[in-house]
């Protein structure tokens, strides 16, 4: 299992907004995550928390490009750009990113599939929907599987290669808490699509329901437990804020032969 360390260079992300908004602080935190065992650094310049205000392409680029350029020179693991905007993805890859993590599943920007293909980047296709379709599923797991398959078809037609694709079920996006939990219980259904799977649950609200406790300070513990759960289910990647803690959890699972 590989660890994707989250680096939000935003003022308003739900867990770490405002902590890493300047280049020096962001680069230092990324290097710390690498030292702690991160396999990938995922850089986001626009918060995707519920209720967050969208930012312009220019603002998003101003937040991420300088960080990517610096990290390309100073770390030796892949850099991912967390964006649903095609132009941001294109410029990020030019700057040094080698992965595009799209919360829109290549559906929110019509130019994204072609940009993904042209850059040759590895791509993460997350399941998501517009707010107008929030929670409106007839058969949740089958609907998610069908809709993420549509994202796969979009990028394959554009020229993205099979081996470049990673899937993300989109926990916390366009789903109720109960739906998020149901989907987490049925990740094996998405694994039948034949692509590596990434799970991103780090410090999300769904964990409060799973833990039965509203204390935000405990979300890191809930995250570690879901990392262990993902490990036992054969998930290929986890996306987390706290790299060291989750790396240790994975090591415990390995040493116990889980």
C-alpha atoms as a PDB file:
ATOM      1  CA  UNK A   1       0.000   0.000   0.000  1.00  0.00           C
ATOM      2  CA  UNK A   2       1.362   3.427  -0.996  1.00  0.00           C
ATOM      3  CA  UNK A   3       0.807   6.612   0.992  1.00  0.00           C
ATOM      4  CA  UNK A   4      -0.220   9.867  -0.646  1.00  0.00           C
ATOM      5  CA  UNK A   5       0.563  12.791   1.640  1.00  0.00           C
ATOM      6  CA  UNK A   6      -1.869  15.721   1.471  1.00  0.00           C
ATOM      7  CA  UNK A   7      -0.436  19.210   0.959  1.00  0.00           C
ATOM      8  CA  UNK A   8      -3.184  21.827   0.841  1.00  0.00           C
ATOM      9  CA  UNK A   9      -1.839  25.251  -0.122  1.00  0.00           C
ATOM     10  CA  UNK A  10      -5.217  26.807   0.599  1.00  0.00           C
ATOM     11  CA  UNK A  11      -6.571  29.167   3.270  1.00  0.00           C
ATOM     12  CA  UNK A  12      -9.792  27.205   3.829  1.00  0.00           C
ATOM     13  CA  UNK A  13      -9.339  23.420   3.610  1.00  0.00           C
ATOM     14  CA  UNK A  14     -11.286  21.656   6.379  1.00  0.00           C
ATOM     15  CA  UNK A  15      -8.332  20.117   8.222  1.00  0.00           C
ATOM     16  CA  UNK A  16      -5.227  22.181   7.485  1.00  0.00           C
ATOM     17  CA  UNK A  17      -6.422  25.330   5.727  1.00  0.00           C
ATOM     18  CA  UNK A  18      -4.047  28.242   6.135  1.00  0.00           C
ATOM     19  CA  UNK A  19      -1.113  26.229   7.491  1.00  0.00           C
ATOM     20  CA  UNK A  20       0.894  25.944   4.264  1.00  0.00           C
ATOM     21  CA  UNK A  21      -0.112  28.926   2.133  1.00  0.00           C
ATOM     22  CA  UNK A  22       3.406  30.240   1.498  1.00  0.00           C
ATOM     23  CA  UNK A  23       5.913  28.347  -0.614  1.00  0.00           C
ATOM     24  CA  UNK A  24       8.588  27.887   2.059  1.00  0.00           C
ATOM     25  CA  UNK A  25       6.195  26.436   4.625  1.00  0.00           C
ATOM     26  CA  UNK A  26       4.549  24.204   2.024  1.00  0.00           C
ATOM     27  CA  UNK A  27       7.869  22.847   0.769  1.00  0.00           C
ATOM     28  CA  UNK A  28       9.073  22.201   4.320  1.00  0.00           C
ATOM     29  CA  UNK A  29       5.909  20.268   5.161  1.00  0.00           C
ATOM     30  CA  UNK A  30       6.151  18.215   1.968  1.00  0.00           C
ATOM     31  CA  UNK A  31       9.761  17.321   2.758  1.00  0.00           C
ATOM     32  CA  UNK A  32       8.708  16.304   6.264  1.00  0.00           C
ATOM     33  CA  UNK A  33       6.053  13.985   4.813  1.00  0.00           C
ATOM     34  CA  UNK A  34       8.651  12.448   2.503  1.00  0.00           C
ATOM     35  CA  UNK A  35      10.932  11.837   5.491  1.00  0.00           C
ATOM     36  CA  UNK A  36       8.002  10.200   7.305  1.00  0.00           C
ATOM     37  CA  UNK A  37       7.390   7.759   4.465  1.00  0.00           C
ATOM     38  CA  UNK A  38       5.098   9.376   1.911  1.00  0.00           C
ATOM     39  CA  UNK A  39       5.253   7.778  -1.546  1.00  0.00           C
ATOM     40  CA  UNK A  40       3.452  10.656  -3.301  1.00  0.00           C
ATOM     41  CA  UNK A  41       2.805  14.310  -2.441  1.00  0.00           C
ATOM     42  CA  UNK A  42      -0.622  15.570  -3.519  1.00  0.00           C
ATOM     43  CA  UNK A  43      -0.803  19.349  -3.864  1.00  0.00           C
ATOM     44  CA  UNK A  44      -4.164  21.122  -3.878  1.00  0.00           C
ATOM     45  CA  UNK A  45      -4.804  24.817  -4.486  1.00  0.00           C
ATOM     46  CA  UNK A  46      -8.583  24.859  -4.067  1.00  0.00           C
ATOM     47  CA  UNK A  47     -10.523  23.522  -1.106  1.00  0.00           C
ATOM     48  CA  UNK A  48     -13.131  20.874  -1.912  1.00  0.00           C
ATOM     49  CA  UNK A  49     -14.755  20.924   1.531  1.00  0.00           C
ATOM     50  CA  UNK A  50     -18.560  21.413   1.546  1.00  0.00           C
ATOM     51  CA  UNK A  51     -19.432  25.073   1.109  1.00  0.00           C
ATOM     52  CA  UNK A  52     -15.979  26.149  -0.061  1.00  0.00           C
ATOM     53  CA  UNK A  53     -15.841  28.969  -2.589  1.00  0.00           C
ATOM     54  CA  UNK A  54     -14.322  28.081  -5.984  1.00  0.00           C
ATOM     55  CA  UNK A  55     -11.198  29.951  -7.026  1.00  0.00           C
ATOM     56  CA  UNK A  56     -10.125  31.168 -10.451  1.00  0.00           C
ATOM     57  CA  UNK A  57      -7.642  29.294 -12.597  1.00  0.00           C
ATOM     58  CA  UNK A  58      -5.168  32.149 -12.092  1.00  0.00           C
ATOM     59  CA  UNK A  59      -5.454  32.021  -8.312  1.00  0.00           C
ATOM     60  CA  UNK A  60      -5.131  28.253  -8.217  1.00  0.00           C
ATOM     61  CA  UNK A  61      -2.028  28.370 -10.409  1.00  0.00           C
ATOM     62  CA  UNK A  62      -0.496  31.086  -8.235  1.00  0.00           C
ATOM     63  CA  UNK A  63      -0.913  28.837  -5.201  1.00  0.00           C
ATOM     64  CA  UNK A  64       0.499  25.606  -6.612  1.00  0.00           C
ATOM     65  CA  UNK A  65       3.018  26.178  -9.410  1.00  0.00           C
ATOM     66  CA  UNK A  66       5.830  27.675  -7.347  1.00  0.00           C
ATOM     67  CA  UNK A  67       5.477  24.853  -4.803  1.00  0.00           C
ATOM     68  CA  UNK A  68       5.576  22.181  -7.520  1.00  0.00           C
ATOM     69  CA  UNK A  69       8.668  23.705  -9.119  1.00  0.00           C
ATOM     70  CA  UNK A  70      10.508  23.778  -5.821  1.00  0.00           C
ATOM     71  CA  UNK A  71       9.509  20.261  -4.860  1.00  0.00           C
ATOM     72  CA  UNK A  72      10.540  18.911  -8.249  1.00  0.00           C
ATOM     73  CA  UNK A  73      14.061  20.050  -7.380  1.00  0.00           C
ATOM     74  CA  UNK A  74      14.071  18.930  -3.753  1.00  0.00           C
ATOM     75  CA  UNK A  75      12.214  15.602  -3.485  1.00  0.00           C
ATOM     76  CA  UNK A  76      12.496  12.397  -5.495  1.00  0.00           C
ATOM     77  CA  UNK A  77       8.976  10.979  -5.216  1.00  0.00           C
ATOM     78  CA  UNK A  78       6.034  11.674  -7.557  1.00  0.00           C
ATOM     79  CA  UNK A  79       4.155  14.953  -7.242  1.00  0.00           C
ATOM     80  CA  UNK A  80       0.398  14.951  -7.810  1.00  0.00           C
ATOM     81  CA  UNK A  81      -1.780  17.955  -8.636  1.00  0.00           C
ATOM     82  CA  UNK A  82      -5.218  17.858  -7.020  1.00  0.00           C
ATOM     83  CA  UNK A  83      -7.431  19.745  -9.469  1.00  0.00           C
ATOM     84  CA  UNK A  84     -10.452  19.372 -11.715  1.00  0.00           C
ATOM     85  CA  UNK A  85      -9.343  22.215 -14.018  1.00  0.00           C
ATOM     86  CA  UNK A  86      -7.605  21.156 -17.222  1.00  0.00           C
ATOM     87  CA  UNK A  87      -5.373  24.219 -17.511  1.00  0.00           C
ATOM     88  CA  UNK A  88      -4.165  23.857 -13.941  1.00  0.00           C
ATOM     89  CA  UNK A  89      -3.394  20.198 -14.612  1.00  0.00           C
ATOM     90  CA  UNK A  90      -1.516  21.031 -17.811  1.00  0.00           C
ATOM     91  CA  UNK A  91       0.664  23.722 -16.229  1.00  0.00           C
ATOM     92  CA  UNK A  92       1.265  21.623 -13.124  1.00  0.00           C
ATOM     93  CA  UNK A  93       2.666  18.770 -15.203  1.00  0.00           C
ATOM     94  CA  UNK A  94       4.901  21.208 -17.093  1.00  0.00           C
ATOM     95  CA  UNK A  95       6.121  22.463 -13.698  1.00  0.00           C
ATOM     96  CA  UNK A  96       6.970  18.950 -12.494  1.00  0.00           C
ATOM     97  CA  UNK A  97       3.861  17.026 -11.437  1.00  0.00           C
ATOM     98  CA  UNK A  98       3.509  13.503 -12.813  1.00  0.00           C
ATOM     99  CA  UNK A  99       0.016  12.697 -11.527  1.00  0.00           C
ATOM    100  CA  UNK A 100      -3.362  14.414 -11.930  1.00  0.00           C
ATOM    101  CA  UNK A 101      -5.812  13.777  -9.085  1.00  0.00           C
ATOM    102  CA  UNK A 102      -9.205  14.893 -10.401  1.00  0.00           C
ATOM    103  CA  UNK A 103     -12.112  15.078  -7.945  1.00  0.00           C
ATOM    104  CA  UNK A 104     -14.374  15.527 -10.953  1.00  0.00           C
ATOM    105  CA  UNK A 105     -13.437  12.220 -12.540  1.00  0.00           C
ATOM    106  CA  UNK A 106     -12.513  14.042 -15.788  1.00  0.00           C
ATOM    107  CA  UNK A 107     -16.125  15.206 -16.108  1.00  0.00           C
ATOM    108  CA  UNK A 108     -16.090  18.721 -14.605  1.00  0.00           C
ATOM    109  CA  UNK A 109     -13.892  20.272 -17.323  1.00  0.00           C
ATOM    110  CA  UNK A 110     -14.465  19.075 -20.896  1.00  0.00           C
ATOM    111  CA  UNK A 111     -10.787  19.611 -21.730  1.00  0.00           C
ATOM    112  CA  UNK A 112      -9.495  17.426 -18.912  1.00  0.00           C
ATOM    113  CA  UNK A 113      -9.491  14.026 -20.689  1.00  0.00           C
ATOM    114  CA  UNK A 114      -7.405  15.422 -23.551  1.00  0.00           C
ATOM    115  CA  UNK A 115      -4.997  17.189 -21.198  1.00  0.00           C
ATOM    116  CA  UNK A 116      -4.568  13.982 -19.226  1.00  0.00           C
ATOM    117  CA  UNK A 117      -3.738  12.127 -22.417  1.00  0.00           C
ATOM    118  CA  UNK A 118      -1.393  14.785 -23.788  1.00  0.00           C
ATOM    119  CA  UNK A 119       0.614  15.129 -20.575  1.00  0.00           C
ATOM    120  CA  UNK A 120       1.081  11.378 -20.160  1.00  0.00           C
ATOM    121  CA  UNK A 121       0.472  11.788 -16.437  1.00  0.00           C
ATOM    122  CA  UNK A 122      -0.870   9.082 -14.189  1.00  0.00           C
ATOM    123  CA  UNK A 123      -4.473   9.957 -13.402  1.00  0.00           C
ATOM    124  CA  UNK A 124      -6.725   9.467 -10.392  1.00  0.00           C
ATOM    125  CA  UNK A 125     -10.391   9.436 -11.334  1.00  0.00           C
ATOM    126  CA  UNK A 126     -12.640  10.129  -8.368  1.00  0.00           C
ATOM    127  CA  UNK A 127     -16.354   9.473  -8.318  1.00  0.00           C
ATOM    128  CA  UNK A 128     -18.349  12.655  -7.867  1.00  0.00           C
ATOM    129  CA  UNK A 129     -21.582  14.325  -8.923  1.00  0.00           C
ATOM    130  CA  UNK A 130     -23.016  17.809  -9.171  1.00  0.00           C
ATOM    131  CA  UNK A 131     -24.736  19.152  -6.053  1.00  0.00           C
ATOM    132  CA  UNK A 132     -28.126  18.805  -7.748  1.00  0.00           C
ATOM    133  CA  UNK A 133     -27.632  15.026  -7.807  1.00  0.00           C
ATOM    134  CA  UNK A 134     -26.335  14.768  -4.238  1.00  0.00           C
ATOM    135  CA  UNK A 135     -27.292  11.463  -2.646  1.00  0.00           C
ATOM    136  CA  UNK A 136     -29.820  10.534  -5.347  1.00  0.00           C
ATOM    137  CA  UNK A 137     -28.824   6.923  -5.987  1.00  0.00           C
ATOM    138  CA  UNK A 138     -31.121   4.046  -6.868  1.00  0.00           C
ATOM    139  CA  UNK A 139     -28.495   1.399  -6.166  1.00  0.00           C
ATOM    140  CA  UNK A 140     -25.537   3.165  -4.585  1.00  0.00           C
ATOM    141  CA  UNK A 141     -22.648   0.797  -5.253  1.00  0.00           C
ATOM    142  CA  UNK A 142     -23.773  -0.138  -8.759  1.00  0.00           C
ATOM    143  CA  UNK A 143     -24.470   3.512  -9.615  1.00  0.00           C
ATOM    144  CA  UNK A 144     -21.028   4.582  -8.410  1.00  0.00           C
ATOM    145  CA  UNK A 145     -19.419   1.746 -10.340  1.00  0.00           C
ATOM    146  CA  UNK A 146     -21.301   2.682 -13.516  1.00  0.00           C
ATOM    147  CA  UNK A 147     -20.484   6.386 -13.194  1.00  0.00           C
ATOM    148  CA  UNK A 148     -16.798   5.841 -12.495  1.00  0.00           C
ATOM    149  CA  UNK A 149     -16.701   3.482 -15.478  1.00  0.00           C
ATOM    150  CA  UNK A 150     -17.969   6.410 -17.559  1.00  0.00           C
ATOM    151  CA  UNK A 151     -14.961   8.446 -16.347  1.00  0.00           C
ATOM    152  CA  UNK A 152     -12.647   5.620 -17.367  1.00  0.00           C
ATOM    153  CA  UNK A 153     -14.188   5.484 -20.822  1.00  0.00           C
ATOM    154  CA  UNK A 154     -13.802   9.255 -21.227  1.00  0.00           C
ATOM    155  CA  UNK A 155     -10.074   9.237 -20.617  1.00  0.00           C
ATOM    156  CA  UNK A 156      -9.398   6.031 -22.541  1.00  0.00           C
ATOM    157  CA  UNK A 157     -11.077   7.514 -25.614  1.00  0.00           C
ATOM    158  CA  UNK A 158      -8.879  10.588 -25.234  1.00  0.00           C
ATOM    159  CA  UNK A 159      -5.745   8.451 -25.267  1.00  0.00           C
ATOM    160  CA  UNK A 160      -4.924   7.805 -21.613  1.00  0.00           C
ATOM    161  CA  UNK A 161      -3.427   4.328 -21.219  1.00  0.00           C
ATOM    162  CA  UNK A 162      -4.982   1.659 -18.988  1.00  0.00           C
ATOM    163  CA  UNK A 163      -1.902   1.457 -16.802  1.00  0.00           C
ATOM    164  CA  UNK A 164      -2.061   5.189 -16.022  1.00  0.00           C
ATOM    165  CA  UNK A 165      -5.457   5.005 -14.289  1.00  0.00           C
ATOM    166  CA  UNK A 166      -6.201   4.867 -10.546  1.00  0.00           C
ATOM    167  CA  UNK A 167      -9.751   4.983  -9.154  1.00  0.00           C
ATOM    168  CA  UNK A 168     -11.101   6.769  -6.071  1.00  0.00           C
ATOM    169  CA  UNK A 169     -14.637   5.998  -4.796  1.00  0.00           C
ATOM    170  CA  UNK A 170     -15.058   9.598  -3.637  1.00  0.00           C
ATOM    171  CA  UNK A 171     -15.848   9.140   0.043  1.00  0.00           C
ATOM    172  CA  UNK A 172     -17.390  12.391   1.290  1.00  0.00           C
ATOM    173  CA  UNK A 173     -18.388  13.616  -2.167  1.00  0.00           C
ATOM    174  CA  UNK A 174     -22.009  13.674  -3.404  1.00  0.00           C
ATOM    175  CA  UNK A 175     -22.986  11.068  -0.820  1.00  0.00           C
ATOM    176  CA  UNK A 176     -24.682  11.064   2.553  1.00  0.00           C
ATOM    177  CA  UNK A 177     -22.771   9.764   5.558  1.00  0.00           C
ATOM    178  CA  UNK A 178     -24.700   6.483   5.432  1.00  0.00           C
ATOM    179  CA  UNK A 179     -23.894   6.169   1.721  1.00  0.00           C
ATOM    180  CA  UNK A 180     -20.207   6.815   2.393  1.00  0.00           C
ATOM    181  CA  UNK A 181     -20.195   4.022   4.945  1.00  0.00           C
ATOM    182  CA  UNK A 182     -22.042   1.639   2.646  1.00  0.00           C
ATOM    183  CA  UNK A 183     -19.579   2.339  -0.150  1.00  0.00           C
ATOM    184  CA  UNK A 184     -16.607   1.727   2.144  1.00  0.00           C
ATOM    185  CA  UNK A 185     -18.084  -1.646   3.036  1.00  0.00           C
ATOM    186  CA  UNK A 186     -18.301  -2.560  -0.659  1.00  0.00           C
ATOM    187  CA  UNK A 187     -14.971  -1.408  -2.098  1.00  0.00           C
ATOM    188  CA  UNK A 188     -14.457  -4.875  -3.549  1.00  0.00           C
ATOM    189  CA  UNK A 189     -17.150  -4.110  -6.124  1.00  0.00           C
ATOM    190  CA  UNK A 190     -15.037  -1.263  -7.538  1.00  0.00           C
ATOM    191  CA  UNK A 191     -11.938  -3.448  -7.485  1.00  0.00           C
ATOM    192  CA  UNK A 192     -13.622  -5.690 -10.049  1.00  0.00           C
ATOM    193  CA  UNK A 193     -13.088  -2.909 -12.602  1.00  0.00           C
ATOM    194  CA  UNK A 194      -9.443  -3.986 -12.654  1.00  0.00           C
ATOM    195  CA  UNK A 195      -7.684  -0.742 -11.700  1.00  0.00           C
ATOM    196  CA  UNK A 196      -5.728   0.247  -8.570  1.00  0.00           C
ATOM    197  CA  UNK A 197      -7.937   1.840  -5.927  1.00  0.00           C
ATOM    198  CA  UNK A 198      -7.182   4.871  -3.749  1.00  0.00           C
ATOM    199  CA  UNK A 199      -9.069   5.581  -0.531  1.00  0.00           C
ATOM    200  CA  UNK A 200      -9.224   9.121   0.820  1.00  0.00           C
ATOM    201  CA  UNK A 201     -11.055   9.318   4.150  1.00  0.00           C
ATOM    202  CA  UNK A 202      -8.497  11.287   6.153  1.00  0.00           C
ATOM    203  CA  UNK A 203     -10.203  13.355   8.877  1.00  0.00           C
ATOM    204  CA  UNK A 204     -13.510  13.490   6.986  1.00  0.00           C
ATOM    205  CA  UNK A 205     -16.857  13.920   8.684  1.00  0.00           C
ATOM    206  CA  UNK A 206     -17.922  10.346   7.960  1.00  0.00           C
ATOM    207  CA  UNK A 207     -15.389   9.237  10.566  1.00  0.00           C
ATOM    208  CA  UNK A 208     -17.373  10.969  13.316  1.00  0.00           C
ATOM    209  CA  UNK A 209     -20.314   8.692  12.590  1.00  0.00           C
ATOM    210  CA  UNK A 210     -18.077   5.636  12.401  1.00  0.00           C
ATOM    211  CA  UNK A 211     -16.400   6.529  15.708  1.00  0.00           C
ATOM    212  CA  UNK A 212     -19.580   7.618  17.453  1.00  0.00           C
ATOM    213  CA  UNK A 213     -17.825  10.763  18.669  1.00  0.00           C
ATOM    214  CA  UNK A 214     -17.985  14.365  17.416  1.00  0.00           C
ATOM    215  CA  UNK A 215     -14.592  15.381  18.811  1.00  0.00           C
ATOM    216  CA  UNK A 216     -12.541  16.637  15.853  1.00  0.00           C
ATOM    217  CA  UNK A 217      -9.300  15.929  17.700  1.00  0.00           C
ATOM    218  CA  UNK A 218     -10.032  12.212  17.369  1.00  0.00           C
ATOM    219  CA  UNK A 219     -10.346  12.213  13.583  1.00  0.00           C
ATOM    220  CA  UNK A 220      -6.713  11.204  13.221  1.00  0.00           C
ATOM    221  CA  UNK A 221      -7.443   8.021  15.164  1.00  0.00           C
ATOM    222  CA  UNK A 222     -10.418   7.258  12.940  1.00  0.00           C
ATOM    223  CA  UNK A 223      -8.208   7.805   9.908  1.00  0.00           C
ATOM    224  CA  UNK A 224      -5.637   5.298  11.141  1.00  0.00           C
ATOM    225  CA  UNK A 225      -8.342   2.675  11.661  1.00  0.00           C
ATOM    226  CA  UNK A 226      -9.640   3.171   8.103  1.00  0.00           C
ATOM    227  CA  UNK A 227      -6.067   2.833   6.838  1.00  0.00           C
ATOM    228  CA  UNK A 228      -5.855  -0.553   8.565  1.00  0.00           C
ATOM    229  CA  UNK A 229      -9.249  -1.463   7.135  1.00  0.00           C
ATOM    230  CA  UNK A 230      -8.089  -0.462   3.645  1.00  0.00           C
ATOM    231  CA  UNK A 231      -4.931  -2.530   4.068  1.00  0.00           C
ATOM    232  CA  UNK A 232      -6.941  -5.663   4.835  1.00  0.00           C
ATOM    233  CA  UNK A 233      -9.100  -5.017   1.765  1.00  0.00           C
ATOM    234  CA  UNK A 234      -6.158  -4.799  -0.618  1.00  0.00           C
ATOM    235  CA  UNK A 235      -6.500  -1.084  -1.341  1.00  0.00           C
ATOM    236  CA  UNK A 236      -3.478   0.167  -3.278  1.00  0.00           C
ATOM    237  CA  UNK A 237      -3.214   3.794  -2.112  1.00  0.00           C
ATOM    238  CA  UNK A 238      -4.362   5.841   0.859  1.00  0.00           C
ATOM    239  CA  UNK A 239      -4.477   9.640   0.922  1.00  0.00           C
ATOM    240  CA  UNK A 240      -3.784  11.075   4.386  1.00  0.00           C
ATOM    241  CA  UNK A 241      -2.788  14.192   6.295  1.00  0.00           C
ATOM    242  CA  UNK A 242      -0.700  12.406   8.951  1.00  0.00           C
ATOM    243  CA  UNK A 243       1.862  10.322   7.097  1.00  0.00           C
ATOM    244  CA  UNK A 244       3.977   9.043   9.980  1.00  0.00           C
ATOM    245  CA  UNK A 245       1.059   7.743  12.020  1.00  0.00           C
ATOM    246  CA  UNK A 246      -0.517   5.942   9.082  1.00  0.00           C
ATOM    247  CA  UNK A 247       2.839   4.557   7.939  1.00  0.00           C
ATOM    248  CA  UNK A 248       3.259   3.047  11.409  1.00  0.00           C
ATOM    249  CA  UNK A 249      -0.231   1.549  11.264  1.00  0.00           C
ATOM    250  CA  UNK A 250       0.554  -0.125   7.942  1.00  0.00           C
ATOM    251  CA  UNK A 251       3.807  -1.479   9.345  1.00  0.00           C
ATOM    252  CA  UNK A 252       1.947  -3.017  12.294  1.00  0.00           C
ATOM    253  CA  UNK A 253      -0.444  -4.713   9.870  1.00  0.00           C
ATOM    254  CA  UNK A 254       2.492  -6.076   7.867  1.00  0.00           C
ATOM    255  CA  UNK A 255       4.310  -7.353  10.913  1.00  0.00           C
ATOM    256  CA  UNK A 256       1.175  -9.127  12.114  1.00  0.00           C
ATOM    257  CA  UNK A 257       0.820 -10.794   8.742  1.00  0.00           C
ATOM    258  CA  UNK A 258      -2.576  -9.226   8.104  1.00  0.00           C
END
